C-alpha atoms as a PDB file:
ATOM      1  CA  UNK A   1      65.543  66.039 129.332  1.00  0.00           C
ATOM      2  CA  UNK A   2      62.068  64.811 128.386  1.00  0.00           C
ATOM      3  CA  UNK A   3      60.013  66.665 125.796  1.00  0.00           C
ATOM      4  CA  UNK A   4      56.983  66.045 123.590  1.00  0.00           C
ATOM      5  CA  UNK A   5      55.187  67.377 120.545  1.00  0.00           C
ATOM      6  CA  UNK A   6      51.838  66.683 118.943  1.00  0.00           C
ATOM      7  CA  UNK A   7      52.131  66.185 115.180  1.00  0.00           C
ATOM      8  CA  UNK A   8      48.394  66.699 114.781  1.00  0.00           C
ATOM      9  CA  UNK A   9      45.308  65.832 116.761  1.00  0.00           C
ATOM     10  CA  UNK A  10      41.727  65.424 115.608  1.00  0.00           C
ATOM     11  CA  UNK A  11      39.335  63.102 113.825  1.00  0.00           C
ATOM     12  CA  UNK A  12      41.482  63.229 110.673  1.00  0.00           C
ATOM     13  CA  UNK A  13      44.555  61.838 112.424  1.00  0.00           C
ATOM     14  CA  UNK A  14      46.552  61.729 115.648  1.00  0.00           C
ATOM     15  CA  UNK A  15      50.248  61.356 116.388  1.00  0.00           C
ATOM     16  CA  UNK A  16      52.614  62.608 119.081  1.00  0.00           C
ATOM     17  CA  UNK A  17      56.345  62.374 119.695  1.00  0.00           C
ATOM     18  CA  UNK A  18      57.983  61.731 123.055  1.00  0.00           C
ATOM     19  CA  UNK A  19      61.739  62.267 123.236  1.00  0.00           C
ATOM     20  CA  UNK A  20      64.436  62.143 125.872  1.00  0.00           C
ATOM     21  CA  UNK A  21      68.166  62.762 125.706  1.00  0.00           C
ATOM     22  CA  UNK A  22      70.517  61.350 128.303  1.00  0.00           C
ATOM     23  CA  UNK A  23      74.299  60.936 128.258  1.00  0.00           C
ATOM     24  CA  UNK A  24      74.437  61.780 124.575  1.00  0.00           C
ATOM     25  CA  UNK A  25      71.762  59.245 123.594  1.00  0.00           C
ATOM     26  CA  UNK A  26      68.350  60.285 122.264  1.00  0.00           C
ATOM     27  CA  UNK A  27      65.294  58.024 122.472  1.00  0.00           C
ATOM     28  CA  UNK A  28      62.077  58.720 120.557  1.00  0.00           C
ATOM     29  CA  UNK A  29      58.642  57.158 120.813  1.00  0.00           C
ATOM     30  CA  UNK A  30      55.844  57.885 118.346  1.00  0.00           C
ATOM     31  CA  UNK A  31      52.467  57.621 120.070  1.00  0.00           C
ATOM     32  CA  UNK A  32      49.942  56.719 117.355  1.00  0.00           C
ATOM     33  CA  UNK A  33      50.464  57.422 113.662  1.00  0.00           C
ATOM     34  CA  UNK A  34      46.986  58.110 112.373  1.00  0.00           C
ATOM     35  CA  UNK A  35      48.061  59.525 109.018  1.00  0.00           C
ATOM     36  CA  UNK A  36      49.193  58.147 105.680  1.00  0.00           C
ATOM     37  CA  UNK A  37      52.928  57.632 105.242  1.00  0.00           C
ATOM     38  CA  UNK A  38      53.394  60.715 103.064  1.00  0.00           C
ATOM     39  CA  UNK A  39      51.588  62.964 105.548  1.00  0.00           C
ATOM     40  CA  UNK A  40      53.443  61.465 108.506  1.00  0.00           C
ATOM     41  CA  UNK A  41      56.793  62.020 106.790  1.00  0.00           C
ATOM     42  CA  UNK A  42      55.824  65.638 106.154  1.00  0.00           C
ATOM     43  CA  UNK A  43      54.847  66.220 109.780  1.00  0.00           C
ATOM     44  CA  UNK A  44      58.006  64.554 111.057  1.00  0.00           C
ATOM     45  CA  UNK A  45      60.051  66.805 108.784  1.00  0.00           C
ATOM     46  CA  UNK A  46      58.279  69.832 110.249  1.00  0.00           C
ATOM     47  CA  UNK A  47      59.448  68.588 113.652  1.00  0.00           C
ATOM     48  CA  UNK A  48      63.006  68.321 112.353  1.00  0.00           C
ATOM     49  CA  UNK A  49      62.978  64.524 112.155  1.00  0.00           C
ATOM     50  CA  UNK A  50      62.600  61.598 109.769  1.00  0.00           C
ATOM     51  CA  UNK A  51      60.979  58.199 110.237  1.00  0.00           C
ATOM     52  CA  UNK A  52      64.364  56.560 110.809  1.00  0.00           C
ATOM     53  CA  UNK A  53      64.785  58.728 113.913  1.00  0.00           C
ATOM     54  CA  UNK A  54      61.917  56.905 115.638  1.00  0.00           C
ATOM     55  CA  UNK A  55      62.840  54.034 117.959  1.00  0.00           C
ATOM     56  CA  UNK A  56      59.340  52.595 118.439  1.00  0.00           C
ATOM     57  CA  UNK A  57      55.646  53.220 117.828  1.00  0.00           C
ATOM     58  CA  UNK A  58      52.936  52.839 120.455  1.00  0.00           C
ATOM     59  CA  UNK A  59      49.412  52.387 119.074  1.00  0.00           C
ATOM     60  CA  UNK A  60      46.720  53.226 121.621  1.00  0.00           C
ATOM     61  CA  UNK A  61      43.867  51.463 119.786  1.00  0.00           C
ATOM     62  CA  UNK A  62      42.676  50.279 116.386  1.00  0.00           C
ATOM     63  CA  UNK A  63      40.621  53.250 115.167  1.00  0.00           C
ATOM     64  CA  UNK A  64      41.914  54.577 111.871  1.00  0.00           C
ATOM     65  CA  UNK A  65      42.765  58.054 113.124  1.00  0.00           C
ATOM     66  CA  UNK A  66      45.224  56.447 115.548  1.00  0.00           C
ATOM     67  CA  UNK A  67      46.624  53.313 113.933  1.00  0.00           C
ATOM     68  CA  UNK A  68      46.871  54.890 110.463  1.00  0.00           C
ATOM     69  CA  UNK A  69      50.072  53.802 108.749  1.00  0.00           C
ATOM     70  CA  UNK A  70      51.574  51.865 111.688  1.00  0.00           C
ATOM     71  CA  UNK A  71      51.933  48.651 109.708  1.00  0.00           C
ATOM     72  CA  UNK A  72      53.394  50.331 106.614  1.00  0.00           C
ATOM     73  CA  UNK A  73      55.752  52.474 108.701  1.00  0.00           C
ATOM     74  CA  UNK A  74      57.010  49.482 110.651  1.00  0.00           C
ATOM     75  CA  UNK A  75      57.663  47.476 107.485  1.00  0.00           C
ATOM     76  CA  UNK A  76      59.282  50.326 105.580  1.00  0.00           C
ATOM     77  CA  UNK A  77      61.584  51.533 108.348  1.00  0.00           C
ATOM     78  CA  UNK A  78      61.841  48.345 110.427  1.00  0.00           C
ATOM     79  CA  UNK A  79      60.463  50.061 113.513  1.00  0.00           C
ATOM     80  CA  UNK A  80      59.153  48.029 116.492  1.00  0.00           C
ATOM     81  CA  UNK A  81      55.471  48.531 117.300  1.00  0.00           C
ATOM     82  CA  UNK A  82      53.751  48.213 120.658  1.00  0.00           C
ATOM     83  CA  UNK A  83      49.993  47.686 121.050  1.00  0.00           C
ATOM     84  CA  UNK A  84      47.630  45.598 123.146  1.00  0.00           C
ATOM     85  CA  UNK A  85      46.708  42.097 122.039  1.00  0.00           C
ATOM     86  CA  UNK A  86      43.120  43.275 121.636  1.00  0.00           C
ATOM     87  CA  UNK A  87      44.204  46.083 119.315  1.00  0.00           C
ATOM     88  CA  UNK A  88      46.306  43.677 117.271  1.00  0.00           C
ATOM     89  CA  UNK A  89      43.448  41.192 116.948  1.00  0.00           C
ATOM     90  CA  UNK A  90      41.001  43.975 116.060  1.00  0.00           C
ATOM     91  CA  UNK A  91      43.184  44.842 113.086  1.00  0.00           C
ATOM     92  CA  UNK A  92      43.198  41.266 111.827  1.00  0.00           C
ATOM     93  CA  UNK A  93      46.329  40.007 113.571  1.00  0.00           C
ATOM     94  CA  UNK A  94      48.611  41.410 110.865  1.00  0.00           C
ATOM     95  CA  UNK A  95      52.169  40.216 110.480  1.00  0.00           C
ATOM     96  CA  UNK A  96      54.716  42.757 111.694  1.00  0.00           C
ATOM     97  CA  UNK A  97      57.645  40.514 110.698  1.00  0.00           C
ATOM     98  CA  UNK A  98      58.824  40.008 114.267  1.00  0.00           C
ATOM     99  CA  UNK A  99      58.585  43.681 115.243  1.00  0.00           C
ATOM    100  CA  UNK A 100      55.273  43.462 117.127  1.00  0.00           C
ATOM    101  CA  UNK A 101      55.340  43.777 120.913  1.00  0.00           C
ATOM    102  CA  UNK A 102      52.218  43.257 123.007  1.00  0.00           C
ATOM    103  CA  UNK A 103      51.501  45.801 125.724  1.00  0.00           C
ATOM    104  CA  UNK A 104      49.071  45.453 128.592  1.00  0.00           C
ATOM    105  CA  UNK A 105      47.701  47.384 131.509  1.00  0.00           C
ATOM    106  CA  UNK A 106      50.287  48.219 134.188  1.00  0.00           C
ATOM    107  CA  UNK A 107      53.109  46.324 132.429  1.00  0.00           C
ATOM    108  CA  UNK A 108      55.807  48.930 131.860  1.00  0.00           C
ATOM    109  CA  UNK A 109      58.422  48.658 129.128  1.00  0.00           C
ATOM    110  CA  UNK A 110      61.275  50.817 127.894  1.00  0.00           C
ATOM    111  CA  UNK A 111      62.084  52.475 124.603  1.00  0.00           C
ATOM    112  CA  UNK A 112      65.696  53.495 125.031  1.00  0.00           C
ATOM    113  CA  UNK A 113      65.664  55.794 128.062  1.00  0.00           C
ATOM    114  CA  UNK A 114      61.883  56.300 128.027  1.00  0.00           C
ATOM    115  CA  UNK A 115      59.924  54.196 130.499  1.00  0.00           C
ATOM    116  CA  UNK A 116      56.394  53.633 129.177  1.00  0.00           C
ATOM    117  CA  UNK A 117      53.579  52.702 131.559  1.00  0.00           C
ATOM    118  CA  UNK A 118      50.349  51.763 129.703  1.00  0.00           C
ATOM    119  CA  UNK A 119      46.957  51.713 131.384  1.00  0.00           C
ATOM    120  CA  UNK A 120      43.458  50.780 130.276  1.00  0.00           C
ATOM    121  CA  UNK A 121      40.766  53.341 129.531  1.00  0.00           C
ATOM    122  CA  UNK A 122      37.005  53.091 128.825  1.00  0.00           C
ATOM    123  CA  UNK A 123      36.608  53.531 125.062  1.00  0.00           C
ATOM    124  CA  UNK A 124      34.720  51.707 122.333  1.00  0.00           C
ATOM    125  CA  UNK A 125      37.728  49.762 121.122  1.00  0.00           C
ATOM    126  CA  UNK A 126      38.816  46.179 121.841  1.00  0.00           C
ATOM    127  CA  UNK A 127      41.607  46.822 124.369  1.00  0.00           C
ATOM    128  CA  UNK A 128      42.515  50.525 124.354  1.00  0.00           C
ATOM    129  CA  UNK A 129      45.522  51.784 126.270  1.00  0.00           C
ATOM    130  CA  UNK A 130      46.776  55.238 127.118  1.00  0.00           C
ATOM    131  CA  UNK A 131      50.122  55.898 128.731  1.00  0.00           C
ATOM    132  CA  UNK A 132      52.443  57.574 131.139  1.00  0.00           C
ATOM    133  CA  UNK A 133      56.033  58.237 130.002  1.00  0.00           C
ATOM    134  CA  UNK A 134      58.994  59.105 132.184  1.00  0.00           C
ATOM    135  CA  UNK A 135      62.745  59.484 131.925  1.00  0.00           C
ATOM    136  CA  UNK A 136      63.055  58.863 135.659  1.00  0.00           C
ATOM    137  CA  UNK A 137      62.951  62.559 136.420  1.00  0.00           C
ATOM    138  CA  UNK A 138      60.019  64.117 134.576  1.00  0.00           C
ATOM    139  CA  UNK A 139      56.707  62.489 133.620  1.00  0.00           C
ATOM    140  CA  UNK A 140      54.269  63.012 130.740  1.00  0.00           C
ATOM    141  CA  UNK A 141      50.683  61.757 130.685  1.00  0.00           C
ATOM    142  CA  UNK A 142      48.866  61.017 127.410  1.00  0.00           C
ATOM    143  CA  UNK A 143      45.087  60.707 127.735  1.00  0.00           C
ATOM    144  CA  UNK A 144      42.852  60.814 124.678  1.00  0.00           C
ATOM    145  CA  UNK A 145      39.965  58.684 123.416  1.00  0.00           C
ATOM    146  CA  UNK A 146      37.990  57.716 126.491  1.00  0.00           C
ATOM    147  CA  UNK A 147      34.436  58.342 127.571  1.00  0.00           C
ATOM    148  CA  UNK A 148      35.110  59.051 131.233  1.00  0.00           C
ATOM    149  CA  UNK A 149      37.914  58.979 133.767  1.00  0.00           C
ATOM    150  CA  UNK A 150      37.958  55.988 136.081  1.00  0.00           C
ATOM    151  CA  UNK A 151      39.768  55.908 139.404  1.00  0.00           C
ATOM    152  CA  UNK A 152      42.355  53.702 137.663  1.00  0.00           C
ATOM    153  CA  UNK A 153      43.003  56.388 135.025  1.00  0.00           C
ATOM    154  CA  UNK A 154      43.398  59.168 137.584  1.00  0.00           C
ATOM    155  CA  UNK A 155      45.682  57.050 139.748  1.00  0.00           C
ATOM    156  CA  UNK A 156      47.984  56.288 136.805  1.00  0.00           C
ATOM    157  CA  UNK A 157      48.305  59.981 135.938  1.00  0.00           C
ATOM    158  CA  UNK A 158      48.845  61.356 139.422  1.00  0.00           C
ATOM    159  CA  UNK A 159      51.844  63.678 139.653  1.00  0.00           C
ATOM    160  CA  UNK A 160      52.523  64.087 135.927  1.00  0.00           C
ATOM    161  CA  UNK A 161      54.446  67.216 134.977  1.00  0.00           C
ATOM    162  CA  UNK A 162      52.810  67.622 131.553  1.00  0.00           C
ATOM    163  CA  UNK A 163      49.555  66.312 130.150  1.00  0.00           C
ATOM    164  CA  UNK A 164      48.239  65.779 126.622  1.00  0.00           C
ATOM    165  CA  UNK A 165      44.514  65.637 127.349  1.00  0.00           C
ATOM    166  CA  UNK A 166      41.466  65.106 125.157  1.00  0.00           C
ATOM    167  CA  UNK A 167      38.943  67.962 125.057  1.00  0.00           C
ATOM    168  CA  UNK A 168      36.749  66.450 122.367  1.00  0.00           C
ATOM    169  CA  UNK A 169      33.383  68.156 122.387  1.00  0.00           C
ATOM    170  CA  UNK A 170      31.093  70.723 123.911  1.00  0.00           C
ATOM    171  CA  UNK A 171      28.011  68.797 125.064  1.00  0.00           C
ATOM    172  CA  UNK A 172      25.559  71.442 123.875  1.00  0.00           C
ATOM    173  CA  UNK A 173      27.177  71.729 120.451  1.00  0.00           C
ATOM    174  CA  UNK A 174      27.133  67.951 120.121  1.00  0.00           C
ATOM    175  CA  UNK A 175      23.456  67.731 121.119  1.00  0.00           C
ATOM    176  CA  UNK A 176      22.532  70.368 118.512  1.00  0.00           C
ATOM    177  CA  UNK A 177      24.814  69.056 115.777  1.00  0.00           C
ATOM    178  CA  UNK A 178      23.850  67.333 112.535  1.00  0.00           C
ATOM    179  CA  UNK A 179      25.232  64.028 113.826  1.00  0.00           C
ATOM    180  CA  UNK A 180      22.676  61.206 113.713  1.00  0.00           C
ATOM    181  CA  UNK A 181      21.348  60.103 117.130  1.00  0.00           C
ATOM    182  CA  UNK A 182      23.441  56.933 117.279  1.00  0.00           C
ATOM    183  CA  UNK A 183      26.649  58.923 116.709  1.00  0.00           C
ATOM    184  CA  UNK A 184      25.722  61.541 119.305  1.00  0.00           C
ATOM    185  CA  UNK A 185      25.159  58.707 121.777  1.00  0.00           C
ATOM    186  CA  UNK A 186      28.473  57.060 120.874  1.00  0.00           C
ATOM    187  CA  UNK A 187      30.571  60.216 121.113  1.00  0.00           C
ATOM    188  CA  UNK A 188      28.924  61.484 124.289  1.00  0.00           C
ATOM    189  CA  UNK A 189      28.646  58.113 126.035  1.00  0.00           C
ATOM    190  CA  UNK A 190      30.777  56.543 128.736  1.00  0.00           C
ATOM    191  CA  UNK A 191      32.845  54.710 126.112  1.00  0.00           C
ATOM    192  CA  UNK A 192      33.114  57.556 123.618  1.00  0.00           C
ATOM    193  CA  UNK A 193      35.068  60.788 123.959  1.00  0.00           C
ATOM    194  CA  UNK A 194      35.629  63.307 126.728  1.00  0.00           C
ATOM    195  CA  UNK A 195      33.422  66.367 126.848  1.00  0.00           C
ATOM    196  CA  UNK A 196      35.070  69.671 127.664  1.00  0.00           C
ATOM    197  CA  UNK A 197      33.579  69.625 131.158  1.00  0.00           C
ATOM    198  CA  UNK A 198      34.788  66.081 131.829  1.00  0.00           C
ATOM    199  CA  UNK A 199      38.278  66.952 130.596  1.00  0.00           C
ATOM    200  CA  UNK A 200      38.367  70.077 132.758  1.00  0.00           C
ATOM    201  CA  UNK A 201      37.427  67.947 135.759  1.00  0.00           C
ATOM    202  CA  UNK A 202      40.350  65.631 134.994  1.00  0.00           C
ATOM    203  CA  UNK A 203      42.761  68.566 134.704  1.00  0.00           C
ATOM    204  CA  UNK A 204      41.470  69.891 138.031  1.00  0.00           C
ATOM    205  CA  UNK A 205      41.893  66.479 139.681  1.00  0.00           C
ATOM    206  CA  UNK A 206      45.484  66.177 138.423  1.00  0.00           C
ATOM    207  CA  UNK A 207      46.481  69.734 139.272  1.00  0.00           C
ATOM    208  CA  UNK A 208      49.568  70.145 141.446  1.00  0.00           C
ATOM    209  CA  UNK A 209      52.337  72.711 141.772  1.00  0.00           C
ATOM    210  CA  UNK A 210      54.651  70.760 139.465  1.00  0.00           C
ATOM    211  CA  UNK A 211      52.247  70.618 136.521  1.00  0.00           C
ATOM    212  CA  UNK A 212      53.996  72.485 133.714  1.00  0.00           C
ATOM    213  CA  UNK A 213      51.884  72.048 130.557  1.00  0.00           C
ATOM    214  CA  UNK A 214      48.358  70.977 129.696  1.00  0.00           C
ATOM    215  CA  UNK A 215      47.814  70.503 125.972  1.00  0.00           C
ATOM    216  CA  UNK A 216      44.211  70.116 124.832  1.00  0.00           C
ATOM    217  CA  UNK A 217      43.929  67.454 122.125  1.00  0.00           C
ATOM    218  CA  UNK A 218      41.457  65.742 119.809  1.00  0.00           C
ATOM    219  CA  UNK A 219      39.106  68.734 119.536  1.00  0.00           C
ATOM    220  CA  UNK A 220      36.091  68.055 117.332  1.00  0.00           C
ATOM    221  CA  UNK A 221      36.031  70.478 114.407  1.00  0.00           C
ATOM    222  CA  UNK A 222      32.221  70.425 114.313  1.00  0.00           C
ATOM    223  CA  UNK A 223      31.321  70.084 117.993  1.00  0.00           C
ATOM    224  CA  UNK A 224      33.885  72.216 119.768  1.00  0.00           C
ATOM    225  CA  UNK A 225      35.479  75.651 119.809  1.00  0.00           C
ATOM    226  CA  UNK A 226      39.048  76.448 120.940  1.00  0.00           C
ATOM    227  CA  UNK A 227      37.833  79.483 122.888  1.00  0.00           C
ATOM    228  CA  UNK A 228      35.494  77.291 124.956  1.00  0.00           C
ATOM    229  CA  UNK A 229      38.344  74.915 125.706  1.00  0.00           C
ATOM    230  CA  UNK A 230      40.702  77.707 126.723  1.00  0.00           C
ATOM    231  CA  UNK A 231      38.137  79.178 129.104  1.00  0.00           C
ATOM    232  CA  UNK A 232      37.437  75.855 130.806  1.00  0.00           C
ATOM    233  CA  UNK A 233      41.131  75.010 131.044  1.00  0.00           C
ATOM    234  CA  UNK A 234      41.838  78.366 132.683  1.00  0.00           C
ATOM    235  CA  UNK A 235      39.013  77.834 135.166  1.00  0.00           C
ATOM    236  CA  UNK A 236      40.210  74.304 135.963  1.00  0.00           C
ATOM    237  CA  UNK A 237      43.823  75.326 136.517  1.00  0.00           C
ATOM    238  CA  UNK A 238      42.976  78.486 138.442  1.00  0.00           C
ATOM    239  CA  UNK A 239      46.079  80.454 139.315  1.00  0.00           C
ATOM    240  CA  UNK A 240      48.432  77.583 138.536  1.00  0.00           C
ATOM    241  CA  UNK A 241      51.350  78.553 136.326  1.00  0.00           C
ATOM    242  CA  UNK A 242      50.937  75.601 133.953  1.00  0.00           C
ATOM    243  CA  UNK A 243      51.037  76.655 130.308  1.00  0.00           C
ATOM    244  CA  UNK A 244      47.821  75.887 128.411  1.00  0.00           C
ATOM    245  CA  UNK A 245      47.926  75.086 124.697  1.00  0.00           C
ATOM    246  CA  UNK A 246      45.678  73.518 122.076  1.00  0.00           C
ATOM    247  CA  UNK A 247      46.967  70.894 119.634  1.00  0.00           C
ATOM    248  CA  UNK A 248      45.423  71.497 116.234  1.00  0.00           C
ATOM    249  CA  UNK A 249      44.548  68.961 113.553  1.00  0.00           C
ATOM    250  CA  UNK A 250      46.735  70.740 111.015  1.00  0.00           C
ATOM    251  CA  UNK A 251      49.923  71.466 112.945  1.00  0.00           C
ATOM    252  CA  UNK A 252      49.684  69.841 116.379  1.00  0.00           C
ATOM    253  CA  UNK A 253      51.792  71.684 118.922  1.00  0.00           C
ATOM    254  CA  UNK A 254      55.369  72.944 119.274  1.00  0.00           C
ATOM    255  CA  UNK A 255      58.011  70.982 121.144  1.00  0.00           C
ATOM    256  CA  UNK A 256      57.420  71.329 124.881  1.00  0.00           C
ATOM    257  CA  UNK A 257      59.810  70.437 127.681  1.00  0.00           C
ATOM    258  CA  UNK A 258      58.123  68.236 130.269  1.00  0.00           C
END
């Protein structure tokens, strides 16, 4: 059984758990850990877990709301960390005491019984990766922090049964926000973050009868509204029976079976 849970998603921090249990063995992957150690421990406890229950961490890119306490967590709990070479270099090539593993586009690896398939995305980071996770039966797609969906991105997420998908901003709210022009351009550009419309288009492109959950993630507190996201998600999914949820910055999402 494959399941997942957002521990929190937004500009203040991002982290998600992916878990599978097979033949009495449980494997857990933490995707990003963009919080301080104390806050991460609290959120893990709310999920019924502790840091020692995590088998590995996957860091999608070097921005602080994603890499957070990865280095401190790895050192404290001796947890292996996966990230791209570009992400590692962008953080100063820090010493992970032999627990660093370098990931790259289309080079799958395993964390226990979870098969992880990273892929590149267009974002303003050095070598950002998002991922597809499977237990061999069910498949989860994680797609946040990108400015637009390339054909490569859509191909890597085809057929997923659940999707954690960035709905970052409403374009009109962003345009009328108090953000300075350079930041509006960065967020709304091809290497920034997904607008609600762009995310809805991705959900529509990935729609199939086996899609079970779509969880909207990384909503901007200033430039988005949950009700806008819910409306666009419903329109994109039409009459499909996939459950639609929104991961909040404060509490993330509940556990969801893929």
